[in-house]
Amino acid sequence: MAELADEDFLVLPPMPLATGRLLEPEDDGPPVRITTLELVISTEDGGELRVPLVHRHGAWWAP
């Protein structure tokens, strides 16, 4: 296998990936409180990696 450059690997930035604690529902119901937020990464071999984000300072951050 050919050697890969470091910049080819996924790096999550040191910045919030999302903000907020409520999710607007699809119907006319009340907002729903978010308890967990994950970044889902799908790979070409059919695998899946779930990265749970951390709620800090009013935003969701990569761990």
PDB file of N, CA and C in Angstrom:
ATOM      1  N   MET A   1       0.844  -1.184   0.000  1.00  0.00           N
ATOM      2  CA  MET A   1       0.000   0.000   0.000  1.00  0.00           C
ATOM      3  C   MET A   1       0.884   1.241   0.000  1.00  0.00           C
ATOM      4  N   ALA A   2       0.517   2.228  -0.764  1.00  0.00           N
ATOM      5  CA  ALA A   2       1.290   3.465  -0.839  1.00  0.00           C
ATOM      6  C   ALA A   2       1.183   4.227   0.481  1.00  0.00           C
ATOM      7  N   GLU A   3       2.242   4.911   0.830  1.00  0.00           N
ATOM      8  CA  GLU A   3       2.246   5.711   2.049  1.00  0.00           C
ATOM      9  C   GLU A   3       1.344   6.934   1.854  1.00  0.00           C
ATOM     10  N   LEU A   4       0.554   7.256   2.876  1.00  0.00           N
ATOM     11  CA  LEU A   4      -0.370   8.383   2.795  1.00  0.00           C
ATOM     12  C   LEU A   4       0.207   9.590   3.519  1.00  0.00           C
ATOM     13  N   ALA A   5      -0.023  10.762   2.973  1.00  0.00           N
ATOM     14  CA  ALA A   5       0.392  11.995   3.638  1.00  0.00           C
ATOM     15  C   ALA A   5      -0.504  12.256   4.837  1.00  0.00           C
ATOM     16  N   ASP A   6       0.035  12.909   5.864  1.00  0.00           N
ATOM     17  CA  ASP A   6      -0.734  13.196   7.073  1.00  0.00           C
ATOM     18  C   ASP A   6      -2.015  13.967   6.780  1.00  0.00           C
ATOM     19  N   GLU A   7      -1.993  14.849   5.778  1.00  0.00           N
ATOM     20  CA  GLU A   7      -3.193  15.644   5.495  1.00  0.00           C
ATOM     21  C   GLU A   7      -4.314  14.829   4.851  1.00  0.00           C
ATOM     22  N   ASP A   8      -4.064  13.576   4.520  1.00  0.00           N
ATOM     23  CA  ASP A   8      -5.106  12.711   3.992  1.00  0.00           C
ATOM     24  C   ASP A   8      -6.013  12.148   5.090  1.00  0.00           C
ATOM     25  N   PHE A   9      -5.590  12.222   6.345  1.00  0.00           N
ATOM     26  CA  PHE A   9      -6.367  11.677   7.450  1.00  0.00           C
ATOM     27  C   PHE A   9      -7.343  12.718   7.984  1.00  0.00           C
ATOM     28  N   LEU A  10      -8.520  12.266   8.368  1.00  0.00           N
ATOM     29  CA  LEU A  10      -9.563  13.153   8.884  1.00  0.00           C
ATOM     30  C   LEU A  10      -9.114  13.810  10.186  1.00  0.00           C
ATOM     31  N   VAL A  11      -9.279  15.120  10.258  1.00  0.00           N
ATOM     32  CA  VAL A  11      -8.996  15.892  11.463  1.00  0.00           C
ATOM     33  C   VAL A  11     -10.210  16.769  11.716  1.00  0.00           C
ATOM     34  N   LEU A  12     -10.749  16.692  12.920  1.00  0.00           N
ATOM     35  CA  LEU A  12     -11.876  17.546  13.277  1.00  0.00           C
ATOM     36  C   LEU A  12     -11.327  18.857  13.823  1.00  0.00           C
ATOM     37  N   PRO A  13     -11.855  19.986  13.372  1.00  0.00           N
ATOM     38  CA  PRO A  13     -11.297  21.278  13.765  1.00  0.00           C
ATOM     39  C   PRO A  13     -11.554  21.595  15.235  1.00  0.00           C
ATOM     40  N   PRO A  14     -10.668  22.397  15.841  1.00  0.00           N
ATOM     41  CA  PRO A  14     -10.856  22.794  17.239  1.00  0.00           C
ATOM     42  C   PRO A  14     -11.829  23.966  17.350  1.00  0.00           C
ATOM     43  N   MET A  15     -13.016  23.768  16.798  1.00  0.00           N
ATOM     44  CA  MET A  15     -14.052  24.791  16.813  1.00  0.00           C
ATOM     45  C   MET A  15     -15.405  24.095  16.945  1.00  0.00           C
ATOM     46  N   PRO A  16     -16.429  24.807  17.403  1.00  0.00           N
ATOM     47  CA  PRO A  16     -17.733  24.158  17.538  1.00  0.00           C
ATOM     48  C   PRO A  16     -18.259  23.698  16.184  1.00  0.00           C
ATOM     49  N   LEU A  17     -18.831  22.504  16.148  1.00  0.00           N
ATOM     50  CA  LEU A  17     -19.396  21.965  14.913  1.00  0.00           C
ATOM     51  C   LEU A  17     -20.893  22.252  14.811  1.00  0.00           C
ATOM     52  N   ALA A  18     -21.505  22.632  15.924  1.00  0.00           N
ATOM     53  CA  ALA A  18     -22.935  22.972  15.942  1.00  0.00           C
ATOM     54  C   ALA A  18     -23.211  23.771  17.211  1.00  0.00           C
ATOM     55  N   THR A  19     -24.302  24.514  17.212  1.00  0.00           N
ATOM     56  CA  THR A  19     -24.730  25.226  18.404  1.00  0.00           C
ATOM     57  C   THR A  19     -26.205  24.928  18.642  1.00  0.00           C
ATOM     58  N   GLY A  20     -26.657  25.178  19.853  1.00  0.00           N
ATOM     59  CA  GLY A  20     -28.062  25.001  20.191  1.00  0.00           C
ATOM     60  C   GLY A  20     -28.313  23.748  20.993  1.00  0.00           C
ATOM     61  N   ARG A  21     -29.451  23.723  21.709  1.00  0.00           N
ATOM     62  CA  ARG A  21     -29.838  22.584  22.524  1.00  0.00           C
ATOM     63  C   ARG A  21     -31.218  22.060  22.168  1.00  0.00           C
ATOM     64  N   LEU A  22     -31.882  22.717  21.193  1.00  0.00           N
ATOM     65  CA  LEU A  22     -33.222  22.297  20.797  1.00  0.00           C
ATOM     66  C   LEU A  22     -33.242  21.970  19.310  1.00  0.00           C
ATOM     67  N   LEU A  23     -34.118  21.021  18.958  1.00  0.00           N
ATOM     68  CA  LEU A  23     -34.291  20.614  17.565  1.00  0.00           C
ATOM     69  C   LEU A  23     -35.729  20.907  17.174  1.00  0.00           C
ATOM     70  N   GLU A  24     -35.891  21.601  16.065  1.00  0.00           N
ATOM     71  CA  GLU A  24     -37.239  21.911  15.581  1.00  0.00           C
ATOM     72  C   GLU A  24     -37.856  20.635  15.020  1.00  0.00           C
ATOM     73  N   PRO A  25     -39.048  20.261  15.482  1.00  0.00           N
ATOM     74  CA  PRO A  25     -39.668  19.022  15.009  1.00  0.00           C
ATOM     75  C   PRO A  25     -40.141  19.131  13.563  1.00  0.00           C
ATOM     76  N   GLU A  26     -40.309  17.971  12.916  1.00  0.00           N
ATOM     77  CA  GLU A  26     -40.779  17.955  11.531  1.00  0.00           C
ATOM     78  C   GLU A  26     -42.250  18.347  11.442  1.00  0.00           C
ATOM     79  N   ASP A  27     -43.027  18.039  12.484  1.00  0.00           N
ATOM     80  CA  ASP A  27     -44.442  18.423  12.477  1.00  0.00           C
ATOM     81  C   ASP A  27     -44.611  19.724  13.254  1.00  0.00           C
ATOM     82  N   ASP A  28     -45.817  20.040  13.671  1.00  0.00           N
ATOM     83  CA  ASP A  28     -46.092  21.291  14.369  1.00  0.00           C
ATOM     84  C   ASP A  28     -45.940  21.179  15.877  1.00  0.00           C
ATOM     85  N   GLY A  29     -45.281  20.150  16.362  1.00  0.00           N
ATOM     86  CA  GLY A  29     -45.123  19.954  17.802  1.00  0.00           C
ATOM     87  C   GLY A  29     -44.104  20.908  18.405  1.00  0.00           C
ATOM     88  N   PRO A  30     -43.925  20.799  19.719  1.00  0.00           N
ATOM     89  CA  PRO A  30     -42.966  21.665  20.407  1.00  0.00           C
ATOM     90  C   PRO A  30     -41.527  21.231  20.102  1.00  0.00           C
ATOM     91  N   PRO A  31     -40.558  22.120  20.301  1.00  0.00           N
ATOM     92  CA  PRO A  31     -39.154  21.768  20.092  1.00  0.00           C
ATOM     93  C   PRO A  31     -38.745  20.601  20.989  1.00  0.00           C
ATOM     94  N   VAL A  32     -37.765  19.840  20.535  1.00  0.00           N
ATOM     95  CA  VAL A  32     -37.274  18.674  21.261  1.00  0.00           C
ATOM     96  C   VAL A  32     -35.856  18.971  21.739  1.00  0.00           C
ATOM     97  N   ARG A  33     -35.564  18.677  23.020  1.00  0.00           N
ATOM     98  CA  ARG A  33     -34.233  18.914  23.578  1.00  0.00           C
ATOM     99  C   ARG A  33     -33.243  17.860  23.078  1.00  0.00           C
ATOM    100  N   ILE A  34     -32.083  18.291  22.620  1.00  0.00           N
ATOM    101  CA  ILE A  34     -31.027  17.399  22.147  1.00  0.00           C
ATOM    102  C   ILE A  34     -30.262  16.875  23.354  1.00  0.00           C
ATOM    103  N   THR A  35     -30.092  15.568  23.428  1.00  0.00           N
ATOM    104  CA  THR A  35     -29.326  14.975  24.525  1.00  0.00           C
ATOM    105  C   THR A  35     -27.985  14.439  24.046  1.00  0.00           C
ATOM    106  N   THR A  36     -27.895  14.037  22.796  1.00  0.00           N
ATOM    107  CA  THR A  36     -26.664  13.508  22.219  1.00  0.00           C
ATOM    108  C   THR A  36     -26.584  13.941  20.766  1.00  0.00           C
ATOM    109  N   LEU A  37     -25.397  14.323  20.351  1.00  0.00           N
ATOM    110  CA  LEU A  37     -25.182  14.679  18.956  1.00  0.00           C
ATOM    111  C   LEU A  37     -23.937  13.940  18.492  1.00  0.00           C
ATOM    112  N   GLU A  38     -24.029  13.271  17.327  1.00  0.00           N
ATOM    113  CA  GLU A  38     -22.914  12.486  16.820  1.00  0.00           C
ATOM    114  C   GLU A  38     -22.610  12.853  15.378  1.00  0.00           C
ATOM    115  N   LEU A  39     -21.343  12.781  15.039  1.00  0.00           N
ATOM    116  CA  LEU A  39     -20.900  12.900  13.659  1.00  0.00           C
ATOM    117  C   LEU A  39     -20.763  11.472  13.145  1.00  0.00           C
ATOM    118  N   VAL A  40     -21.487  11.130  12.076  1.00  0.00           N
ATOM    119  CA  VAL A  40     -21.453   9.770  11.536  1.00  0.00           C
ATOM    120  C   VAL A  40     -20.608   9.784  10.270  1.00  0.00           C
ATOM    121  N   ILE A  41     -19.591   8.938  10.249  1.00  0.00           N
ATOM    122  CA  ILE A  41     -18.672   8.854   9.118  1.00  0.00           C
ATOM    123  C   ILE A  41     -18.835   7.489   8.475  1.00  0.00           C
ATOM    124  N   SER A  42     -19.183   7.460   7.187  1.00  0.00           N
ATOM    125  CA  SER A  42     -19.317   6.206   6.445  1.00  0.00           C
ATOM    126  C   SER A  42     -18.070   6.004   5.596  1.00  0.00           C
ATOM    127  N   THR A  43     -17.582   4.766   5.543  1.00  0.00           N
ATOM    128  CA  THR A  43     -16.379   4.454   4.782  1.00  0.00           C
ATOM    129  C   THR A  43     -16.722   3.633   3.548  1.00  0.00           C
ATOM    130  N   GLU A  44     -15.812   3.614   2.593  1.00  0.00           N
ATOM    131  CA  GLU A  44     -16.079   2.925   1.326  1.00  0.00           C
ATOM    132  C   GLU A  44     -16.264   1.428   1.488  1.00  0.00           C
ATOM    133  N   ASP A  45     -15.783   0.848   2.600  1.00  0.00           N
ATOM    134  CA  ASP A  45     -15.953  -0.590   2.818  1.00  0.00           C
ATOM    135  C   ASP A  45     -17.269  -0.917   3.533  1.00  0.00           C
ATOM    136  N   GLY A  46     -18.141   0.088   3.675  1.00  0.00           N
ATOM    137  CA  GLY A  46     -19.443  -0.125   4.307  1.00  0.00           C
ATOM    138  C   GLY A  46     -19.421   0.059   5.811  1.00  0.00           C
ATOM    139  N   GLY A  47     -18.266   0.397   6.369  1.00  0.00           N
ATOM    140  CA  GLY A  47     -18.167   0.629   7.808  1.00  0.00           C
ATOM    141  C   GLY A  47     -18.742   1.977   8.195  1.00  0.00           C
ATOM    142  N   GLU A  48     -18.904   2.145   9.476  1.00  0.00           N
ATOM    143  CA  GLU A  48     -19.455   3.386   9.995  1.00  0.00           C
ATOM    144  C   GLU A  48     -18.759   3.709  11.313  1.00  0.00           C
ATOM    145  N   LEU A  49     -18.335   4.950  11.468  1.00  0.00           N
ATOM    146  CA  LEU A  49     -17.718   5.423  12.696  1.00  0.00           C
ATOM    147  C   LEU A  49     -18.589   6.531  13.248  1.00  0.00           C
ATOM    148  N   ARG A  50     -18.952   6.420  14.518  1.00  0.00           N
ATOM    149  CA  ARG A  50     -19.790   7.427  15.163  1.00  0.00           C
ATOM    150  C   ARG A  50     -18.929   8.164  16.179  1.00  0.00           C
ATOM    151  N   VAL A  51     -18.825   9.477  16.018  1.00  0.00           N
ATOM    152  CA  VAL A  51     -18.032  10.306  16.925  1.00  0.00           C
ATOM    153  C   VAL A  51     -19.004  11.151  17.742  1.00  0.00           C
ATOM    154  N   PRO A  52     -19.196  10.813  19.028  1.00  0.00           N
ATOM    155  CA  PRO A  52     -20.092  11.627  19.858  1.00  0.00           C
ATOM    156  C   PRO A  52     -19.479  13.010  20.109  1.00  0.00           C
ATOM    157  N   LEU A  53     -20.255  14.049  19.869  1.00  0.00           N
ATOM    158  CA  LEU A  53     -19.791  15.401  20.142  1.00  0.00           C
ATOM    159  C   LEU A  53     -20.072  15.738  21.604  1.00  0.00           C
ATOM    160  N   VAL A  54     -19.311  16.679  22.139  1.00  0.00           N
ATOM    161  CA  VAL A  54     -19.397  17.061  23.553  1.00  0.00           C
ATOM    162  C   VAL A  54     -20.009  18.455  23.638  1.00  0.00           C
ATOM    163  N   HIS A  55     -21.003  18.626  24.531  1.00  0.00           N
ATOM    164  CA  HIS A  55     -21.637  19.938  24.693  1.00  0.00           C
ATOM    165  C   HIS A  55     -20.852  20.750  25.723  1.00  0.00           C
ATOM    166  N   ARG A  56     -20.206  21.846  25.258  1.00  0.00           N
ATOM    167  CA  ARG A  56     -19.431  22.738  26.127  1.00  0.00           C
ATOM    168  C   ARG A  56     -19.655  24.175  25.664  1.00  0.00           C
ATOM    169  N   HIS A  57     -19.810  25.074  26.625  1.00  0.00           N
ATOM    170  CA  HIS A  57     -19.888  26.509  26.337  1.00  0.00           C
ATOM    171  C   HIS A  57     -20.982  26.824  25.309  1.00  0.00           C
ATOM    172  N   GLY A  58     -22.107  26.109  25.378  1.00  0.00           N
ATOM    173  CA  GLY A  58     -23.242  26.397  24.497  1.00  0.00           C
ATOM    174  C   GLY A  58     -23.115  25.858  23.090  1.00  0.00           C
ATOM    175  N   ALA A  59     -22.107  25.002  22.836  1.00  0.00           N
ATOM    176  CA  ALA A  59     -21.911  24.473  21.484  1.00  0.00           C
ATOM    177  C   ALA A  59     -21.500  23.008  21.565  1.00  0.00           C
ATOM    178  N   TRP A  60     -21.546  22.325  20.424  1.00  0.00           N
ATOM    179  CA  TRP A  60     -21.165  20.917  20.319  1.00  0.00           C
ATOM    180  C   TRP A  60     -19.785  20.828  19.666  1.00  0.00           C
ATOM    181  N   TRP A  61     -18.844  20.196  20.358  1.00  0.00           N
ATOM    182  CA  TRP A  61     -17.447  20.117  19.944  1.00  0.00           C
ATOM    183  C   TRP A  61     -17.029  18.682  19.729  1.00  0.00           C
ATOM    184  N   ALA A  62     -16.032  18.483  18.866  1.00  0.00           N
ATOM    185  CA  ALA A  62     -15.414  17.159  18.746  1.00  0.00           C
ATOM    186  C   ALA A  62     -14.648  16.884  20.036  1.00  0.00           C
ATOM    187  N   PRO A  63     -14.573  15.613  20.443  1.00  0.00           N
ATOM    188  CA  PRO A  63     -13.865  15.307  21.707  1.00  0.00           C
ATOM    189  C   PRO A  63     -12.376  15.579  21.612  1.00  0.00           C
TER     190      PRO A  63
END
